[in-house]
Amino acid sequence: MCRSIKRLRQPQGEASAEQVRAAALQFVRKVSGMHKPSATNQAAFAAAIDAISAATAQLLADLPPLRARPDESPRGE
């Protein structure tokens, strides 16, 4: 697993489009073994990031809201 991919489903709210895209980019980099693709591979790299971003956004939208554990709630609530 990519250590730099952060958990996007949080009780505090929805992940931003930027967070989803950053996670997709890290995933594609890890799977492809390329940090920056060559010009020849750029289209495939970008298409994969777009597809994974869309799938991730759909997954997060389809899941029910995540409830905070009692020990994670802000003090005073």
PDB file of N, CA and C in Angstrom:
ATOM      1  N   MET A   1       0.844  -1.186   0.000  1.00  0.00           N
ATOM      2  CA  MET A   1       0.000   0.000   0.000  1.00  0.00           C
ATOM      3  C   MET A   1       0.879   1.235   0.000  1.00  0.00           C
ATOM      4  N   CYS A   2       0.461   2.240  -0.700  1.00  0.00           N
ATOM      5  CA  CYS A   2       1.186   3.512  -0.711  1.00  0.00           C
ATOM      6  C   CYS A   2       1.031   4.188   0.643  1.00  0.00           C
ATOM      7  N   ARG A   3       2.107   4.461   1.274  1.00  0.00           N
ATOM      8  CA  ARG A   3       2.036   5.133   2.570  1.00  0.00           C
ATOM      9  C   ARG A   3       1.622   6.578   2.424  1.00  0.00           C
ATOM     10  N   SER A   4       1.849   7.161   1.262  1.00  0.00           N
ATOM     11  CA  SER A   4       1.514   8.574   1.084  1.00  0.00           C
ATOM     12  C   SER A   4       0.052   8.792   0.699  1.00  0.00           C
ATOM     13  N   ILE A   5      -0.690   7.723   0.451  1.00  0.00           N
ATOM     14  CA  ILE A   5      -2.117   7.870   0.186  1.00  0.00           C
ATOM     15  C   ILE A   5      -2.821   7.965   1.536  1.00  0.00           C
ATOM     16  N   LYS A   6      -3.534   9.048   1.732  1.00  0.00           N
ATOM     17  CA  LYS A   6      -4.234   9.286   2.988  1.00  0.00           C
ATOM     18  C   LYS A   6      -5.639   8.711   2.932  1.00  0.00           C
ATOM     19  N   ARG A   7      -6.139   8.345   4.094  1.00  0.00           N
ATOM     20  CA  ARG A   7      -7.515   7.878   4.203  1.00  0.00           C
ATOM     21  C   ARG A   7      -8.437   9.046   3.884  1.00  0.00           C
ATOM     22  N   LEU A   8      -9.323   8.859   2.930  1.00  0.00           N
ATOM     23  CA  LEU A   8     -10.178   9.952   2.469  1.00  0.00           C
ATOM     24  C   LEU A   8     -11.551   9.967   3.136  1.00  0.00           C
ATOM     25  N   ARG A   9     -11.993   8.850   3.620  1.00  0.00           N
ATOM     26  CA  ARG A   9     -13.313   8.774   4.254  1.00  0.00           C
ATOM     27  C   ARG A   9     -13.127   9.077   5.734  1.00  0.00           C
ATOM     28  N   GLN A  10     -13.572  10.249   6.143  1.00  0.00           N
ATOM     29  CA  GLN A  10     -13.396  10.728   7.512  1.00  0.00           C
ATOM     30  C   GLN A  10     -14.740  11.154   8.090  1.00  0.00           C
ATOM     31  N   PRO A  11     -14.892  11.067   9.407  1.00  0.00           N
ATOM     32  CA  PRO A  11     -16.141  11.538  10.021  1.00  0.00           C
ATOM     33  C   PRO A  11     -16.309  13.056   9.927  1.00  0.00           C
ATOM     34  N   GLN A  12     -15.222  13.792   9.716  1.00  0.00           N
ATOM     35  CA  GLN A  12     -15.290  15.250   9.683  1.00  0.00           C
ATOM     36  C   GLN A  12     -15.930  15.784   8.403  1.00  0.00           C
ATOM     37  N   GLY A  13     -16.042  14.984   7.380  1.00  0.00           N
ATOM     38  CA  GLY A  13     -16.657  15.464   6.146  1.00  0.00           C
ATOM     39  C   GLY A  13     -16.059  14.817   4.923  1.00  0.00           C
ATOM     40  N   GLU A  14     -16.508  15.308   3.783  1.00  0.00           N
ATOM     41  CA  GLU A  14     -16.103  14.728   2.506  1.00  0.00           C
ATOM     42  C   GLU A  14     -14.690  15.154   2.102  1.00  0.00           C
ATOM     43  N   ALA A  15     -14.041  14.281   1.371  1.00  0.00           N
ATOM     44  CA  ALA A  15     -12.731  14.606   0.805  1.00  0.00           C
ATOM     45  C   ALA A  15     -12.923  15.564  -0.364  1.00  0.00           C
ATOM     46  N   SER A  16     -11.988  16.467  -0.537  1.00  0.00           N
ATOM     47  CA  SER A  16     -12.071  17.404  -1.654  1.00  0.00           C
ATOM     48  C   SER A  16     -11.650  16.709  -2.946  1.00  0.00           C
ATOM     49  N   ALA A  17     -12.003  17.314  -4.059  1.00  0.00           N
ATOM     50  CA  ALA A  17     -11.599  16.775  -5.361  1.00  0.00           C
ATOM     51  C   ALA A  17     -10.078  16.734  -5.472  1.00  0.00           C
ATOM     52  N   GLU A  18      -9.417  17.709  -4.874  1.00  0.00           N
ATOM     53  CA  GLU A  18      -7.949  17.738  -4.892  1.00  0.00           C
ATOM     54  C   GLU A  18      -7.361  16.570  -4.113  1.00  0.00           C
ATOM     55  N   GLN A  19      -7.956  16.241  -2.975  1.00  0.00           N
ATOM     56  CA  GLN A  19      -7.487  15.114  -2.177  1.00  0.00           C
ATOM     57  C   GLN A  19      -7.691  13.792  -2.930  1.00  0.00           C
ATOM     58  N   VAL A  20      -8.829  13.655  -3.581  1.00  0.00           N
ATOM     59  CA  VAL A  20      -9.118  12.441  -4.345  1.00  0.00           C
ATOM     60  C   VAL A  20      -8.115  12.302  -5.495  1.00  0.00           C
ATOM     61  N   ARG A  21      -7.859  13.388  -6.192  1.00  0.00           N
ATOM     62  CA  ARG A  21      -6.919  13.351  -7.317  1.00  0.00           C
ATOM     63  C   ARG A  21      -5.487  13.073  -6.844  1.00  0.00           C
ATOM     64  N   ALA A  22      -5.105  13.634  -5.723  1.00  0.00           N
ATOM     65  CA  ALA A  22      -3.762  13.380  -5.185  1.00  0.00           C
ATOM     66  C   ALA A  22      -3.592  11.910  -4.825  1.00  0.00           C
ATOM     67  N   ALA A  23      -4.612  11.309  -4.251  1.00  0.00           N
ATOM     68  CA  ALA A  23      -4.550   9.889  -3.920  1.00  0.00           C
ATOM     69  C   ALA A  23      -4.465   9.043  -5.191  1.00  0.00           C
ATOM     70  N   ALA A  24      -5.235   9.413  -6.208  1.00  0.00           N
ATOM     71  CA  ALA A  24      -5.190   8.690  -7.485  1.00  0.00           C
ATOM     72  C   ALA A  24      -3.812   8.802  -8.120  1.00  0.00           C
ATOM     73  N   LEU A  25      -3.230   9.979  -8.073  1.00  0.00           N
ATOM     74  CA  LEU A  25      -1.889  10.180  -8.619  1.00  0.00           C
ATOM     75  C   LEU A  25      -0.872   9.290  -7.901  1.00  0.00           C
ATOM     76  N   GLN A  26      -0.930   9.243  -6.592  1.00  0.00           N
ATOM     77  CA  GLN A  26      -0.002   8.407  -5.832  1.00  0.00           C
ATOM     78  C   GLN A  26      -0.194   6.931  -6.169  1.00  0.00           C
ATOM     79  N   PHE A  27      -1.442   6.516  -6.320  1.00  0.00           N
ATOM     80  CA  PHE A  27      -1.727   5.124  -6.671  1.00  0.00           C
ATOM     81  C   PHE A  27      -1.146   4.778  -8.038  1.00  0.00           C
ATOM     82  N   VAL A  28      -1.371   5.643  -9.021  1.00  0.00           N
ATOM     83  CA  VAL A  28      -0.861   5.396 -10.374  1.00  0.00           C
ATOM     84  C   VAL A  28       0.660   5.383 -10.382  1.00  0.00           C
ATOM     85  N   ARG A  29       1.266   6.284  -9.652  1.00  0.00           N
ATOM     86  CA  ARG A  29       2.733   6.289  -9.555  1.00  0.00           C
ATOM     87  C   ARG A  29       3.244   4.972  -8.980  1.00  0.00           C
ATOM     88  N   LYS A  30       2.604   4.498  -7.936  1.00  0.00           N
ATOM     89  CA  LYS A  30       3.041   3.254  -7.292  1.00  0.00           C
ATOM     90  C   LYS A  30       2.855   2.064  -8.225  1.00  0.00           C
ATOM     91  N   VAL A  31       1.693   1.948  -8.831  1.00  0.00           N
ATOM     92  CA  VAL A  31       1.382   0.809  -9.692  1.00  0.00           C
ATOM     93  C   VAL A  31       2.262   0.804 -10.943  1.00  0.00           C
ATOM     94  N   SER A  32       2.468   1.983 -11.524  1.00  0.00           N
ATOM     95  CA  SER A  32       3.232   2.060 -12.774  1.00  0.00           C
ATOM     96  C   SER A  32       4.735   2.026 -12.546  1.00  0.00           C
ATOM     97  N   GLY A  33       5.166   2.377 -11.360  1.00  0.00           N
ATOM     98  CA  GLY A  33       6.598   2.456 -11.090  1.00  0.00           C
ATOM     99  C   GLY A  33       7.232   3.703 -11.673  1.00  0.00           C
ATOM    100  N   MET A  34       6.406   4.666 -12.066  1.00  0.00           N
ATOM    101  CA  MET A  34       6.908   5.911 -12.660  1.00  0.00           C
ATOM    102  C   MET A  34       6.472   7.099 -11.815  1.00  0.00           C
ATOM    103  N   HIS A  35       7.421   7.946 -11.473  1.00  0.00           N
ATOM    104  CA  HIS A  35       7.072   9.178 -10.769  1.00  0.00           C
ATOM    105  C   HIS A  35       6.550  10.214 -11.758  1.00  0.00           C
ATOM    106  N   LYS A  36       7.227  10.294 -12.887  1.00  0.00           N
ATOM    107  CA  LYS A  36       6.807  11.200 -13.959  1.00  0.00           C
ATOM    108  C   LYS A  36       6.924  10.431 -15.272  1.00  0.00           C
ATOM    109  N   PRO A  37       5.805  10.234 -15.964  1.00  0.00           N
ATOM    110  CA  PRO A  37       5.852   9.450 -17.197  1.00  0.00           C
ATOM    111  C   PRO A  37       6.535  10.197 -18.339  1.00  0.00           C
ATOM    112  N   SER A  38       7.038   9.437 -19.278  1.00  0.00           N
ATOM    113  CA  SER A  38       7.602  10.026 -20.492  1.00  0.00           C
ATOM    114  C   SER A  38       6.463  10.584 -21.334  1.00  0.00           C
ATOM    115  N   ALA A  39       6.816  11.357 -22.346  1.00  0.00           N
ATOM    116  CA  ALA A  39       5.799  11.918 -23.238  1.00  0.00           C
ATOM    117  C   ALA A  39       4.968  10.815 -23.889  1.00  0.00           C
ATOM    118  N   THR A  40       5.594   9.692 -24.179  1.00  0.00           N
ATOM    119  CA  THR A  40       4.902   8.559 -24.798  1.00  0.00           C
ATOM    120  C   THR A  40       3.834   7.989 -23.868  1.00  0.00           C
ATOM    121  N   ASN A  41       4.113   7.990 -22.576  1.00  0.00           N
ATOM    122  CA  ASN A  41       3.202   7.376 -21.601  1.00  0.00           C
ATOM    123  C   ASN A  41       2.282   8.372 -20.913  1.00  0.00           C
ATOM    124  N   GLN A  42       2.414   9.642 -21.214  1.00  0.00           N
ATOM    125  CA  GLN A  42       1.650  10.679 -20.509  1.00  0.00           C
ATOM    126  C   GLN A  42       0.139  10.494 -20.652  1.00  0.00           C
ATOM    127  N   ALA A  43      -0.342  10.173 -21.825  1.00  0.00           N
ATOM    128  CA  ALA A  43      -1.792  10.028 -22.031  1.00  0.00           C
ATOM    129  C   ALA A  43      -2.354   8.872 -21.205  1.00  0.00           C
ATOM    130  N   ALA A  44      -1.655   7.750 -21.188  1.00  0.00           N
ATOM    131  CA  ALA A  44      -2.117   6.598 -20.406  1.00  0.00           C
ATOM    132  C   ALA A  44      -2.086   6.918 -18.916  1.00  0.00           C
ATOM    133  N   PHE A  45      -1.054   7.610 -18.479  1.00  0.00           N
ATOM    134  CA  PHE A  45      -0.896   7.997 -17.074  1.00  0.00           C
ATOM    135  C   PHE A  45      -2.051   8.919 -16.658  1.00  0.00           C
ATOM    136  N   ALA A  46      -2.323   9.940 -17.474  1.00  0.00           N
ATOM    137  CA  ALA A  46      -3.396  10.892 -17.176  1.00  0.00           C
ATOM    138  C   ALA A  46      -4.768  10.218 -17.200  1.00  0.00           C
ATOM    139  N   ALA A  47      -4.981   9.317 -18.158  1.00  0.00           N
ATOM    140  CA  ALA A  47      -6.268   8.606 -18.235  1.00  0.00           C
ATOM    141  C   ALA A  47      -6.483   7.735 -17.005  1.00  0.00           C
ATOM    142  N   ALA A  48      -5.437   7.100 -16.542  1.00  0.00           N
ATOM    143  CA  ALA A  48      -5.550   6.263 -15.343  1.00  0.00           C
ATOM    144  C   ALA A  48      -5.879   7.116 -14.122  1.00  0.00           C
ATOM    145  N   ILE A  49      -5.242   8.263 -13.992  1.00  0.00           N
ATOM    146  CA  ILE A  49      -5.531   9.156 -12.864  1.00  0.00           C
ATOM    147  C   ILE A  49      -6.989   9.615 -12.917  1.00  0.00           C
ATOM    148  N   ASP A  50      -7.466   9.982 -14.087  1.00  0.00           N
ATOM    149  CA  ASP A  50      -8.862  10.408 -14.240  1.00  0.00           C
ATOM    150  C   ASP A  50      -9.826   9.285 -13.868  1.00  0.00           C
ATOM    151  N   ALA A  51      -9.552   8.072 -14.348  1.00  0.00           N
ATOM    152  CA  ALA A  51     -10.448   6.938 -14.074  1.00  0.00           C
ATOM    153  C   ALA A  51     -10.458   6.585 -12.594  1.00  0.00           C
ATOM    154  N   ILE A  52      -9.302   6.594 -11.974  1.00  0.00           N
ATOM    155  CA  ILE A  52      -9.228   6.253 -10.554  1.00  0.00           C
ATOM    156  C   ILE A  52      -9.855   7.353  -9.701  1.00  0.00           C
ATOM    157  N   SER A  53      -9.662   8.597 -10.090  1.00  0.00           N
ATOM    158  CA  SER A  53     -10.307   9.707  -9.378  1.00  0.00           C
ATOM    159  C   SER A  53     -11.823   9.573  -9.436  1.00  0.00           C
ATOM    160  N   ALA A  54     -12.342   9.281 -10.611  1.00  0.00           N
ATOM    161  CA  ALA A  54     -13.793   9.130 -10.773  1.00  0.00           C
ATOM    162  C   ALA A  54     -14.318   7.950  -9.961  1.00  0.00           C
ATOM    163  N   ALA A  55     -13.617   6.830 -10.014  1.00  0.00           N
ATOM    164  CA  ALA A  55     -14.053   5.649  -9.256  1.00  0.00           C
ATOM    165  C   ALA A  55     -13.998   5.913  -7.750  1.00  0.00           C
ATOM    166  N   THR A  56     -12.983   6.609  -7.306  1.00  0.00           N
ATOM    167  CA  THR A  56     -12.848   6.927  -5.883  1.00  0.00           C
ATOM    168  C   THR A  56     -13.957   7.869  -5.438  1.00  0.00           C
ATOM    169  N   ALA A  57     -14.223   8.902  -6.222  1.00  0.00           N
ATOM    170  CA  ALA A  57     -15.293   9.833  -5.887  1.00  0.00           C
ATOM    171  C   ALA A  57     -16.642   9.118  -5.834  1.00  0.00           C
ATOM    172  N   GLN A  58     -16.875   8.215  -6.773  1.00  0.00           N
ATOM    173  CA  GLN A  58     -18.135   7.457  -6.775  1.00  0.00           C
ATOM    174  C   GLN A  58     -18.234   6.552  -5.560  1.00  0.00           C
ATOM    175  N   LEU A  59     -17.152   5.876  -5.230  1.00  0.00           N
ATOM    176  CA  LEU A  59     -17.133   5.014  -4.041  1.00  0.00           C
ATOM    177  C   LEU A  59     -17.452   5.819  -2.789  1.00  0.00           C
ATOM    178  N   LEU A  60     -16.788   6.939  -2.604  1.00  0.00           N
ATOM    179  CA  LEU A  60     -17.027   7.758  -1.416  1.00  0.00           C
ATOM    180  C   LEU A  60     -18.454   8.282  -1.381  1.00  0.00           C
ATOM    181  N   ALA A  61     -19.018   8.620  -2.536  1.00  0.00           N
ATOM    182  CA  ALA A  61     -20.402   9.102  -2.594  1.00  0.00           C
ATOM    183  C   ALA A  61     -21.400   7.997  -2.267  1.00  0.00           C
ATOM    184  N   ASP A  62     -21.076   6.766  -2.623  1.00  0.00           N
ATOM    185  CA  ASP A  62     -21.989   5.641  -2.402  1.00  0.00           C
ATOM    186  C   ASP A  62     -21.958   5.102  -0.972  1.00  0.00           C
ATOM    187  N   LEU A  63     -20.888   5.368  -0.250  1.00  0.00           N
ATOM    188  CA  LEU A  63     -20.773   4.865   1.113  1.00  0.00           C
ATOM    189  C   LEU A  63     -21.561   5.749   2.076  1.00  0.00           C
ATOM    190  N   PRO A  64     -22.122   5.154   3.133  1.00  0.00           N
ATOM    191  CA  PRO A  64     -22.829   5.981   4.114  1.00  0.00           C
ATOM    192  C   PRO A  64     -21.824   6.849   4.864  1.00  0.00           C
ATOM    193  N   PRO A  65     -22.303   7.937   5.466  1.00  0.00           N
ATOM    194  CA  PRO A  65     -21.392   8.790   6.231  1.00  0.00           C
ATOM    195  C   PRO A  65     -20.701   7.987   7.338  1.00  0.00           C
ATOM    196  N   LEU A  66     -19.475   8.308   7.573  1.00  0.00           N
ATOM    197  CA  LEU A  66     -18.694   7.647   8.615  1.00  0.00           C
ATOM    198  C   LEU A  66     -18.959   8.362   9.926  1.00  0.00           C
ATOM    199  N   ARG A  67     -19.316   7.604  10.932  1.00  0.00           N
ATOM    200  CA  ARG A  67     -19.579   8.188  12.238  1.00  0.00           C
ATOM    201  C   ARG A  67     -18.297   8.205  13.050  1.00  0.00           C
ATOM    202  N   ALA A  68     -18.111   9.262  13.792  1.00  0.00           N
ATOM    203  CA  ALA A  68     -16.937   9.368  14.659  1.00  0.00           C
ATOM    204  C   ALA A  68     -17.092   8.423  15.835  1.00  0.00           C
ATOM    205  N   ARG A  69     -15.990   7.845  16.236  1.00  0.00           N
ATOM    206  CA  ARG A  69     -15.997   7.034  17.455  1.00  0.00           C
ATOM    207  C   ARG A  69     -16.106   7.979  18.639  1.00  0.00           C
ATOM    208  N   PRO A  70     -16.667   7.509  19.732  1.00  0.00           N
ATOM    209  CA  PRO A  70     -16.796   8.397  20.905  1.00  0.00           C
ATOM    210  C   PRO A  70     -15.478   9.035  21.329  1.00  0.00           C
ATOM    211  N   ASP A  71     -14.373   8.306  21.187  1.00  0.00           N
ATOM    212  CA  ASP A  71     -13.081   8.866  21.604  1.00  0.00           C
ATOM    213  C   ASP A  71     -12.510   9.848  20.588  1.00  0.00           C
ATOM    214  N   GLU A  72     -13.157  10.034  19.427  1.00  0.00           N
ATOM    215  CA  GLU A  72     -12.677  10.954  18.395  1.00  0.00           C
ATOM    216  C   GLU A  72     -13.490  12.243  18.345  1.00  0.00           C
ATOM    217  N   SER A  73     -14.566  12.332  19.135  1.00  0.00           N
ATOM    218  CA  SER A  73     -15.403  13.522  19.071  1.00  0.00           C
ATOM    219  C   SER A  73     -14.714  14.683  19.778  1.00  0.00           C
ATOM    220  N   PRO A  74     -15.007  15.907  19.299  1.00  0.00           N
ATOM    221  CA  PRO A  74     -14.410  17.085  19.950  1.00  0.00           C
ATOM    222  C   PRO A  74     -14.861  17.189  21.403  1.00  0.00           C
ATOM    223  N   ARG A  75     -14.044  17.764  22.229  1.00  0.00           N
ATOM    224  CA  ARG A  75     -14.401  17.923  23.652  1.00  0.00           C
ATOM    225  C   ARG A  75     -15.578  18.858  23.793  1.00  0.00           C
ATOM    226  N   GLY A  76     -16.401  18.571  24.797  1.00  0.00           N
ATOM    227  CA  GLY A  76     -17.553  19.413  25.066  1.00  0.00           C
ATOM    228  C   GLY A  76     -18.796  18.981  24.317  1.00  0.00           C
ATOM    229  N   GLU A  77     -18.723  17.920  23.556  1.00  0.00           N
ATOM    230  CA  GLU A  77     -19.908  17.453  22.829  1.00  0.00           C
ATOM    231  C   GLU A  77     -20.369  16.139  23.390  1.00  0.00           C
TER     232      GLU A  77
END
